C-alpha atoms as a PDB file:
ATOM      1  CA  MET A   1      24.909  36.438  73.395  1.00  0.00           C
ATOM      2  CA  SER A   2      23.563  33.615  71.396  1.00  0.00           C
ATOM      3  CA  ASN A   3      19.983  32.348  70.648  1.00  0.00           C
ATOM      4  CA  LEU A   4      20.259  29.544  72.609  1.00  0.00           C
ATOM      5  CA  ALA A   5      21.884  31.315  75.538  1.00  0.00           C
ATOM      6  CA  ALA A   6      18.774  34.069  75.344  1.00  0.00           C
ATOM      7  CA  MET A   7      16.399  31.341  75.134  1.00  0.00           C
ATOM      8  CA  ASP A   8      17.985  29.897  78.466  1.00  0.00           C
ATOM      9  CA  LEU A   9      18.089  33.768  80.337  1.00  0.00           C
ATOM     10  CA  GLY A  10      14.548  33.907  78.713  1.00  0.00           C
ATOM     11  CA  ALA A  11      13.043  31.035  80.254  1.00  0.00           C
ATOM     12  CA  ARG A  12      14.126  32.251  83.900  1.00  0.00           C
ATOM     13  CA  GLU A  13      12.477  35.406  83.712  1.00  0.00           C
ATOM     14  CA  PHE A  14       8.699  34.565  84.667  1.00  0.00           C
ATOM     15  CA  GLY A  15       6.014  36.459  85.227  1.00  0.00           C
ATOM     16  CA  VAL A  16       4.607  36.500  88.736  1.00  0.00           C
ATOM     17  CA  VAL A  17       1.583  36.865  90.028  1.00  0.00           C
ATOM     18  CA  THR A  18       0.916  39.663  92.007  1.00  0.00           C
ATOM     19  CA  GLU A  19      -2.680  39.349  92.935  1.00  0.00           C
ATOM     20  CA  ALA A  20      -5.567  37.371  91.564  1.00  0.00           C
ATOM     21  CA  GLY A  21      -6.316  38.037  88.036  1.00  0.00           C
ATOM     22  CA  THR A  22      -2.792  39.956  87.466  1.00  0.00           C
ATOM     23  CA  VAL A  23       0.657  38.927  86.323  1.00  0.00           C
ATOM     24  CA  ARG A  24       4.003  40.842  85.660  1.00  0.00           C
ATOM     25  CA  PHE A  25       6.535  40.715  84.254  1.00  0.00           C
ATOM     26  CA  GLU A  26      10.249  42.937  83.962  1.00  0.00           C
ATOM     27  CA  ARG A  27      12.745  42.812  81.339  1.00  0.00           C
ATOM     28  CA  LEU A  28      15.810  44.907  81.503  1.00  0.00           C
ATOM     29  CA  LEU A  29      16.467  45.622  77.769  1.00  0.00           C
ATOM     30  CA  PRO A  30      18.971  47.709  75.771  1.00  0.00           C
ATOM     31  CA  GLY A  31      17.891  50.964  75.579  1.00  0.00           C
ATOM     32  CA  PRO A  32      17.342  54.415  74.706  1.00  0.00           C
ATOM     33  CA  ILE A  33      13.810  54.470  76.396  1.00  0.00           C
ATOM     34  CA  GLU A  34      12.799  56.475  72.929  1.00  0.00           C
ATOM     35  CA  ARG A  35      13.797  52.796  71.698  1.00  0.00           C
ATOM     36  CA  VAL A  36      12.079  50.661  73.462  1.00  0.00           C
ATOM     37  CA  TRP A  37       8.756  52.532  73.587  1.00  0.00           C
ATOM     38  CA  SER A  38       8.681  52.920  69.589  1.00  0.00           C
ATOM     39  CA  TYR A  39       8.594  48.715  69.631  1.00  0.00           C
ATOM     40  CA  LEU A  40       6.006  49.199  71.870  1.00  0.00           C
ATOM     41  CA  THR A  41       4.049  52.159  69.757  1.00  0.00           C
ATOM     42  CA  ASP A  42       5.288  51.930  65.747  1.00  0.00           C
ATOM     43  CA  SER A  43       3.241  49.395  64.108  1.00  0.00           C
ATOM     44  CA  GLU A  44       6.225  47.827  62.007  1.00  0.00           C
ATOM     45  CA  LYS A  45       8.667  47.611  65.196  1.00  0.00           C
ATOM     46  CA  ARG A  46       5.623  45.964  67.288  1.00  0.00           C
ATOM     47  CA  GLY A  47       5.105  43.482  64.233  1.00  0.00           C
ATOM     48  CA  THR A  48       8.761  42.037  64.918  1.00  0.00           C
ATOM     49  CA  TRP A  49       7.781  40.822  68.377  1.00  0.00           C
ATOM     50  CA  LEU A  50       4.306  41.186  68.916  1.00  0.00           C
ATOM     51  CA  ALA A  51       1.710  42.362  66.169  1.00  0.00           C
ATOM     52  CA  THR A  52       1.129  45.142  64.023  1.00  0.00           C
ATOM     53  CA  GLY A  53      -1.900  47.639  64.130  1.00  0.00           C
ATOM     54  CA  ALA A  54      -2.579  51.575  64.602  1.00  0.00           C
ATOM     55  CA  MET A  55      -2.495  52.512  67.836  1.00  0.00           C
ATOM     56  CA  ASP A  56      -4.036  56.525  68.566  1.00  0.00           C
ATOM     57  CA  LEU A  57      -1.643  57.230  71.136  1.00  0.00           C
ATOM     58  CA  ARG A  58      -4.340  58.924  73.478  1.00  0.00           C
ATOM     59  CA  VAL A  59      -6.741  58.093  76.123  1.00  0.00           C
ATOM     60  CA  GLY A  60      -9.820  56.707  74.218  1.00  0.00           C
ATOM     61  CA  GLY A  61      -7.413  55.955  71.104  1.00  0.00           C
ATOM     62  CA  ASN A  62      -8.095  53.002  69.406  1.00  0.00           C
ATOM     63  CA  VAL A  63      -5.352  49.868  69.550  1.00  0.00           C
ATOM     64  CA  GLU A  64      -5.454  47.473  66.631  1.00  0.00           C
ATOM     65  CA  LEU A  65      -3.688  44.442  66.738  1.00  0.00           C
ATOM     66  CA  ARG A  66      -3.016  41.687  63.996  1.00  0.00           C
ATOM     67  CA  PHE A  67      -0.937  38.988  65.573  1.00  0.00           C
ATOM     68  CA  HIS A  68       0.664  36.751  62.763  1.00  0.00           C
ATOM     69  CA  HIS A  69       2.931  34.349  64.726  1.00  0.00           C
ATOM     70  CA  VAL A  70       5.157  32.651  62.073  1.00  0.00           C
ATOM     71  CA  ASP A  71       6.082  35.752  60.797  1.00  0.00           C
ATOM     72  CA  LEU A  72       7.855  37.186  64.150  1.00  0.00           C
ATOM     73  CA  SER A  73      11.188  34.744  63.442  1.00  0.00           C
ATOM     74  CA  PRO A  74      13.006  33.530  60.535  1.00  0.00           C
ATOM     75  CA  VAL A  75      13.416  30.122  62.150  1.00  0.00           C
ATOM     76  CA  LYS A  76      10.215  28.289  60.531  1.00  0.00           C
ATOM     77  CA  GLU A  77       7.923  25.483  62.306  1.00  0.00           C
ATOM     78  CA  GLU A  78       5.123  23.831  62.446  1.00  0.00           C
ATOM     79  CA  THR A  79       1.885  25.814  64.114  1.00  0.00           C
ATOM     80  CA  PRO A  80       0.471  23.541  66.783  1.00  0.00           C
ATOM     81  CA  ALA A  81      -2.750  21.832  65.930  1.00  0.00           C
ATOM     82  CA  ARG A  82      -4.633  23.768  68.967  1.00  0.00           C
ATOM     83  CA  TYR A  83      -3.735  27.002  67.603  1.00  0.00           C
ATOM     84  CA  LYS A  84      -4.381  25.950  63.541  1.00  0.00           C
ATOM     85  CA  GLU A  85      -7.212  28.269  63.697  1.00  0.00           C
ATOM     86  CA  ILE A  86      -5.171  31.116  64.191  1.00  0.00           C
ATOM     87  CA  GLU A  87      -2.546  30.098  62.138  1.00  0.00           C
ATOM     88  CA  CYS A  88      -2.831  32.750  58.827  1.00  0.00           C
ATOM     89  CA  GLY A  89      -3.283  35.118  61.778  1.00  0.00           C
ATOM     90  CA  VAL A  90      -5.977  36.661  64.499  1.00  0.00           C
ATOM     91  CA  GLU A  91      -6.787  40.065  65.485  1.00  0.00           C
ATOM     92  CA  THR A  92      -8.016  41.822  68.327  1.00  0.00           C
ATOM     93  CA  THR A  93      -8.442  45.401  69.598  1.00  0.00           C
ATOM     94  CA  GLY A  94      -8.385  47.841  72.576  1.00  0.00           C
ATOM     95  CA  GLN A  95      -8.630  51.319  73.727  1.00  0.00           C
ATOM     96  CA  VAL A  96      -5.632  53.254  74.885  1.00  0.00           C
ATOM     97  CA  THR A  97      -6.312  53.963  79.135  1.00  0.00           C
ATOM     98  CA  ARG A  98      -3.210  55.492  79.554  1.00  0.00           C
ATOM     99  CA  CYS A  99      -0.552  57.375  77.899  1.00  0.00           C
ATOM    100  CA  ASP A 100       2.465  58.837  79.210  1.00  0.00           C
ATOM    101  CA  PRO A 101       5.181  58.671  76.316  1.00  0.00           C
ATOM    102  CA  PRO A 102       7.841  57.379  76.549  1.00  0.00           C
ATOM    103  CA  ARG A 103       7.675  56.100  79.759  1.00  0.00           C
ATOM    104  CA  LEU A 104       3.504  54.729  80.415  1.00  0.00           C
ATOM    105  CA  LEU A 105       1.099  53.046  77.664  1.00  0.00           C
ATOM    106  CA  SER A 106      -1.748  50.956  78.933  1.00  0.00           C
ATOM    107  CA  PHE A 107      -4.606  49.578  76.830  1.00  0.00           C
ATOM    108  CA  THR A 108      -7.487  47.111  77.009  1.00  0.00           C
ATOM    109  CA  TRP A 109      -6.462  43.427  76.058  1.00  0.00           C
ATOM    110  CA  GLY A 110      -8.258  40.870  73.246  1.00  0.00           C
ATOM    111  CA  GLY A 111     -11.710  42.290  73.104  1.00  0.00           C
ATOM    112  CA  GLN A 112     -14.390  40.251  74.173  1.00  0.00           C
ATOM    113  CA  MET A 113     -11.854  37.186  74.550  1.00  0.00           C
ATOM    114  CA  PHE A 114     -10.586  38.483  77.857  1.00  0.00           C
ATOM    115  CA  SER A 115     -13.741  40.418  78.907  1.00  0.00           C
ATOM    116  CA  GLY A 116     -11.818  43.795  79.443  1.00  0.00           C
ATOM    117  CA  SER A 117      -8.700  43.031  80.741  1.00  0.00           C
ATOM    118  CA  GLU A 118      -5.463  45.512  80.432  1.00  0.00           C
ATOM    119  CA  VAL A 119      -2.336  45.695  79.692  1.00  0.00           C
ATOM    120  CA  THR A 120       0.123  48.521  80.942  1.00  0.00           C
ATOM    121  CA  PHE A 121       3.481  48.871  80.055  1.00  0.00           C
ATOM    122  CA  GLU A 122       5.937  50.509  82.045  1.00  0.00           C
ATOM    123  CA  LEU A 123       9.330  51.811  81.525  1.00  0.00           C
ATOM    124  CA  THR A 124      12.148  53.204  83.450  1.00  0.00           C
ATOM    125  CA  PRO A 125      15.889  54.206  82.742  1.00  0.00           C
ATOM    126  CA  ARG A 126      18.068  52.229  84.169  1.00  0.00           C
ATOM    127  CA  GLY A 127      21.607  53.870  82.863  1.00  0.00           C
ATOM    128  CA  ASP A 128      22.204  52.565  79.020  1.00  0.00           C
ATOM    129  CA  LYS A 129      19.060  49.922  79.705  1.00  0.00           C
ATOM    130  CA  VAL A 130      15.566  50.457  80.433  1.00  0.00           C
ATOM    131  CA  LEU A 131      13.399  48.569  82.712  1.00  0.00           C
ATOM    132  CA  LEU A 132      10.393  47.200  81.281  1.00  0.00           C
ATOM    133  CA  ALA A 133       7.404  46.317  83.490  1.00  0.00           C
ATOM    134  CA  LEU A 134       4.739  44.571  82.029  1.00  0.00           C
ATOM    135  CA  THR A 135       1.323  44.084  84.045  1.00  0.00           C
ATOM    136  CA  HIS A 136      -1.516  42.456  82.428  1.00  0.00           C
ATOM    137  CA  ARG A 137      -4.443  43.088  84.691  1.00  0.00           C
ATOM    138  CA  ARG A 138      -8.287  41.586  85.657  1.00  0.00           C
ATOM    139  CA  LEU A 139      -7.696  38.482  83.724  1.00  0.00           C
ATOM    140  CA  GLY A 140     -11.180  36.375  84.888  1.00  0.00           C
ATOM    141  CA  SER A 141      -9.685  32.813  85.181  1.00  0.00           C
ATOM    142  CA  ARG A 142      -6.701  30.388  85.635  1.00  0.00           C
ATOM    143  CA  ALA A 143      -7.135  29.595  81.782  1.00  0.00           C
ATOM    144  CA  ASP A 144      -6.964  33.740  81.216  1.00  0.00           C
ATOM    145  CA  MET A 145      -3.773  33.430  83.021  1.00  0.00           C
ATOM    146  CA  LEU A 146      -2.160  30.529  81.760  1.00  0.00           C
ATOM    147  CA  SER A 147      -3.032  31.612  77.792  1.00  0.00           C
ATOM    148  CA  VAL A 148      -1.395  35.292  78.632  1.00  0.00           C
ATOM    149  CA  SER A 149       1.101  34.364  80.730  1.00  0.00           C
ATOM    150  CA  GLY A 150       3.094  31.640  77.820  1.00  0.00           C
ATOM    151  CA  GLY A 151       2.601  34.115  75.379  1.00  0.00           C
ATOM    152  CA  TRP A 152       3.971  37.430  76.688  1.00  0.00           C
ATOM    153  CA  HIS A 153       6.975  35.367  77.959  1.00  0.00           C
ATOM    154  CA  THR A 154       7.260  34.430  74.558  1.00  0.00           C
ATOM    155  CA  HIS A 155       6.800  37.689  72.867  1.00  0.00           C
ATOM    156  CA  LEU A 156       8.987  39.474  75.647  1.00  0.00           C
ATOM    157  CA  ALA A 157      11.865  36.926  74.674  1.00  0.00           C
ATOM    158  CA  ILE A 158      11.177  37.998  71.070  1.00  0.00           C
ATOM    159  CA  LEU A 159      11.454  41.719  71.819  1.00  0.00           C
ATOM    160  CA  ALA A 160      14.678  41.275  73.867  1.00  0.00           C
ATOM    161  CA  ASP A 161      16.045  39.445  71.022  1.00  0.00           C
ATOM    162  CA  ASN A 162      15.496  41.948  68.426  1.00  0.00           C
ATOM    163  CA  LEU A 163      16.697  44.768  70.852  1.00  0.00           C
ATOM    164  CA  GLU A 164      19.874  42.565  71.389  1.00  0.00           C
ATOM    165  CA  GLY A 165      20.594  42.540  67.363  1.00  0.00           C
ATOM    166  CA  VAL A 166      20.448  38.601  68.249  1.00  0.00           C
ATOM    167  CA  THR A 167      18.473  36.473  65.618  1.00  0.00           C
ATOM    168  CA  PRO A 168      14.479  36.165  67.112  1.00  0.00           C
ATOM    169  CA  ARG A 169      13.790  32.551  68.303  1.00  0.00           C
ATOM    170  CA  PRO A 170      10.608  30.620  67.184  1.00  0.00           C
ATOM    171  CA  PHE A 171       7.371  31.653  68.221  1.00  0.00           C
ATOM    172  CA  TRP A 172       5.680  28.188  69.078  1.00  0.00           C
ATOM    173  CA  SER A 173       8.716  25.522  70.314  1.00  0.00           C
ATOM    174  CA  THR A 174       9.367  28.300  72.725  1.00  0.00           C
ATOM    175  CA  HIS A 175       5.647  28.889  73.672  1.00  0.00           C
ATOM    176  CA  ALA A 176       5.239  25.544  74.553  1.00  0.00           C
ATOM    177  CA  LYS A 177       8.174  24.948  76.672  1.00  0.00           C
ATOM    178  CA  LEU A 178       6.809  28.379  78.437  1.00  0.00           C
ATOM    179  CA  ALA A 179       3.178  27.477  78.537  1.00  0.00           C
ATOM    180  CA  ALA A 180       3.608  24.117  80.233  1.00  0.00           C
ATOM    181  CA  GLU A 181       5.864  25.666  82.885  1.00  0.00           C
ATOM    182  CA  TYR A 182       3.457  28.432  83.711  1.00  0.00           C
ATOM    183  CA  GLU A 183       1.056  24.802  83.669  1.00  0.00           C
ATOM    184  CA  ARG A 184       2.804  24.023  86.736  1.00  0.00           C
ATOM    185  CA  ARG A 185       3.852  27.701  88.361  1.00  0.00           C
ATOM    186  CA  ILE A 186       0.359  28.964  88.365  1.00  0.00           C
ATOM    187  CA  ALA A 187      -1.675  27.435  90.833  1.00  0.00           C
ATOM    188  CA  ALA A 188      -4.585  25.941  90.230  1.00  0.00           C
ATOM    189  CA  GLU A 189      -8.459  27.825  91.194  1.00  0.00           C
END
Protein backbone atom coordinates (compact mmCIF):
# COMPACT_ATOMS: atom_id res chain seq x y z
CA MET A 1 0.00 0.00 0.00
CA SER A 2 1.46 3.37 -0.92
CA ASN A 3 1.86 6.04 1.73
CA LEU A 4 -0.82 8.16 0.05
CA ALA A 5 -3.25 5.23 0.07
CA ALA A 6 -2.38 4.57 3.71
CA MET A 7 -3.05 8.22 4.56
CA ASP A 8 -6.45 8.10 2.85
CA LEU A 9 -7.35 4.86 4.65
CA GLY A 10 -6.22 6.25 8.01
CA ALA A 11 -8.38 9.32 7.59
CA ARG A 12 -11.50 7.09 7.53
CA GLU A 13 -10.71 5.29 10.78
CA PHE A 14 -11.95 7.92 13.20
CA GLY A 15 -12.12 7.45 16.92
CA VAL A 16 -15.57 7.45 18.46
CA VAL A 17 -16.82 9.03 21.65
CA THR A 18 -18.24 6.12 23.64
CA GLU A 19 -19.32 8.15 26.68
CA ALA A 20 -18.55 11.51 28.25
CA GLY A 21 -14.79 11.92 28.48
CA THR A 22 -13.95 8.73 26.56
CA VAL A 23 -12.74 8.17 23.00
CA ARG A 24 -11.99 4.77 21.43
CA PHE A 25 -10.01 3.78 18.35
CA GLU A 26 -9.72 0.40 16.63
CA ARG A 27 -7.09 -0.69 14.14
CA LEU A 28 -6.51 -4.02 12.43
CA LEU A 29 -2.73 -4.37 12.26
CA PRO A 30 -0.27 -6.92 10.88
CA GLY A 31 0.55 -9.51 13.57
CA PRO A 32 1.47 -11.53 15.35
CA ILE A 33 0.25 -10.21 18.71
CA GLU A 34 3.74 -10.35 20.27
CA ARG A 35 5.05 -8.05 17.55
CA VAL A 36 2.32 -5.46 18.15
CA TRP A 37 2.85 -5.76 21.93
CA SER A 38 6.54 -4.98 21.45
CA TYR A 39 5.61 -1.75 19.62
CA LEU A 40 3.60 -0.74 22.69
CA THR A 41 6.15 -1.68 25.35
CA ASP A 42 9.69 -1.55 23.92
CA SER A 43 11.03 2.01 24.13
CA GLU A 44 12.90 1.89 20.82
CA LYS A 45 9.98 0.46 18.85
CA ARG A 46 7.44 2.71 20.63
CA GLY A 47 9.68 5.63 19.73
CA THR A 48 9.06 4.99 16.02
CA TRP A 49 5.36 5.87 16.35
CA LEU A 50 4.64 7.49 19.74
CA ALA A 51 7.36 8.19 22.32
CA THR A 52 10.45 6.63 23.84
CA GLY A 53 10.87 6.04 27.54
CA ALA A 54 11.05 3.42 30.26
CA MET A 55 7.96 1.39 31.09
CA ASP A 56 7.83 -0.83 34.19
CA LEU A 57 5.31 -3.46 33.07
CA ARG A 58 3.60 -4.18 36.39
CA VAL A 59 0.65 -2.58 38.16
CA GLY A 60 2.00 0.54 39.84
CA GLY A 61 5.05 0.61 37.55
CA ASN A 62 6.23 3.94 36.17
CA VAL A 63 5.69 5.00 32.56
CA GLU A 64 7.94 7.66 31.03
CA LEU A 65 7.09 9.04 27.61
CA ARG A 66 9.42 11.34 25.68
CA PHE A 67 7.73 12.68 22.55
CA HIS A 68 9.73 14.03 19.65
CA HIS A 69 7.19 14.29 16.83
CA VAL A 70 9.62 15.37 14.09
CA ASP A 71 11.50 12.06 14.43
CA LEU A 72 8.47 9.86 13.65
CA SER A 73 8.95 10.15 9.89
CA PRO A 74 11.87 10.70 7.54
CA VAL A 75 9.62 13.24 5.79
CA LYS A 76 10.67 16.50 7.49
CA GLU A 77 8.30 19.41 7.85
CA GLU A 78 7.94 22.60 9.88
CA THR A 79 6.43 22.36 13.35
CA PRO A 80 3.20 24.42 13.42
CA ALA A 81 3.40 27.70 15.37
CA ARG A 82 0.94 26.50 18.02
CA TYR A 83 3.27 23.56 18.86
CA LYS A 84 6.62 25.41 18.74
CA GLU A 85 7.02 25.10 22.53
CA ILE A 86 7.28 21.30 22.14
CA GLU A 87 9.34 21.33 18.95
CA CYS A 88 12.39 19.96 20.80
CA GLY A 89 10.27 17.37 22.57
CA VAL A 90 7.99 16.98 25.56
CA GLU A 91 7.95 14.48 28.39
CA THR A 92 5.17 13.06 30.50
CA THR A 93 4.82 10.33 33.08
CA GLY A 94 2.17 7.93 34.29
CA GLN A 95 1.64 4.70 36.16
CA VAL A 96 0.63 1.27 34.91
CA THR A 97 -2.90 0.45 36.12
CA ARG A 98 -3.35 -2.94 34.37
CA CYS A 99 -0.94 -5.23 32.56
CA ASP A 100 -1.63 -8.66 31.05
CA PRO A 101 1.04 -9.32 28.36
CA PRO A 102 0.54 -9.50 25.43
CA ARG A 103 -3.15 -8.58 25.50
CA LEU A 104 -3.78 -5.63 27.83
CA LEU A 105 -1.92 -2.53 28.95
CA SER A 106 -3.41 0.47 30.80
CA PHE A 107 -1.66 3.45 32.31
CA THR A 108 -2.43 6.94 33.52
CA TRP A 109 -1.75 9.59 30.94
CA GLY A 110 -0.28 13.04 30.88
CA GLY A 111 0.38 13.83 34.52
CA GLN A 112 -1.07 17.26 35.27
CA MET A 113 -1.87 17.97 31.61
CA PHE A 114 -4.84 15.59 31.47
CA SER A 115 -5.38 15.23 35.24
CA GLY A 116 -5.24 11.47 35.60
CA SER A 117 -6.83 10.29 32.39
CA GLU A 118 -6.13 6.67 31.46
CA VAL A 119 -5.14 4.95 28.23
CA THR A 120 -5.93 1.27 27.61
CA PHE A 121 -4.55 -0.85 24.78
CA GLU A 122 -6.32 -4.16 24.15
CA LEU A 123 -4.88 -6.63 21.61
CA THR A 124 -6.92 -9.47 20.11
CA PRO A 125 -5.60 -11.88 17.45
CA ARG A 126 -7.63 -11.98 14.22
CA GLY A 127 -5.96 -14.63 12.06
CA ASP A 128 -2.59 -13.21 10.99
CA LYS A 129 -3.72 -9.73 12.09
CA VAL A 130 -4.23 -8.11 15.49
CA LEU A 131 -7.14 -5.92 16.49
CA LEU A 132 -5.80 -3.06 18.57
CA ALA A 133 -8.45 -1.19 20.58
CA LEU A 134 -7.22 1.98 22.24
CA THR A 135 -9.52 3.66 24.77
CA HIS A 136 -8.64 6.98 26.40
CA ARG A 137 -10.84 7.64 29.47
CA ARG A 138 -11.44 10.37 32.02
CA LEU A 139 -10.80 13.29 29.70
CA GLY A 140 -12.05 16.39 31.47
CA SER A 141 -13.15 18.63 28.61
CA ARG A 142 -13.92 18.88 24.93
CA ALA A 143 -10.50 20.50 24.45
CA ASP A 144 -8.88 17.41 26.00
CA MET A 145 -10.99 15.14 23.76
CA LEU A 146 -9.94 17.09 20.68
CA SER A 147 -6.29 17.10 21.68
CA VAL A 148 -6.01 13.36 22.24
CA SER A 149 -8.26 12.38 19.31
CA GLY A 150 -6.19 14.06 16.62
CA GLY A 151 -2.99 12.94 18.33
CA TRP A 152 -3.97 9.30 18.79
CA HIS A 153 -5.33 9.03 15.26
CA THR A 154 -2.05 10.37 13.87
CA HIS A 155 0.14 8.21 16.11
CA LEU A 156 -1.87 5.08 15.29
CA ALA A 157 -1.56 5.80 11.56
CA ILE A 158 2.22 6.02 11.97
CA LEU A 159 2.19 2.76 13.97
CA ALA A 160 0.29 1.09 11.11
CA ASP A 161 2.81 2.47 8.60
CA ASN A 162 5.68 0.98 10.62
CA LEU A 163 4.01 -2.41 11.01
CA GLU A 164 3.11 -2.50 7.30
CA GLY A 165 6.66 -1.63 6.27
CA VAL A 166 5.88 1.65 4.51
CA THR A 167 7.50 5.04 5.05
CA PRO A 168 5.79 6.63 8.04
CA ARG A 169 3.73 9.65 7.11
CA PRO A 170 4.79 13.05 8.51
CA PHE A 171 3.27 13.82 11.91
CA TRP A 172 2.34 17.51 11.75
CA SER A 173 0.59 17.74 8.37
CA THR A 174 -1.30 14.51 9.12
CA HIS A 175 -2.24 15.79 12.57
CA ALA A 176 -3.46 19.15 11.21
CA LYS A 177 -5.93 17.47 8.84
CA LEU A 178 -7.19 15.06 11.48
CA ALA A 179 -7.45 17.69 14.23
CA ALA A 180 -9.65 19.80 11.95
CA GLU A 181 -11.89 16.80 11.27
CA TYR A 182 -12.22 15.97 14.98
CA GLU A 183 -13.17 19.60 15.61
CA ARG A 184 -16.19 18.93 13.37
CA ARG A 185 -16.91 15.44 14.71
CA ILE A 186 -16.77 15.95 18.49
CA ALA A 187 -19.79 17.87 19.68
CA ALA A 188 -19.36 21.17 21.52
CA GLU A 189 -19.93 21.11 25.27
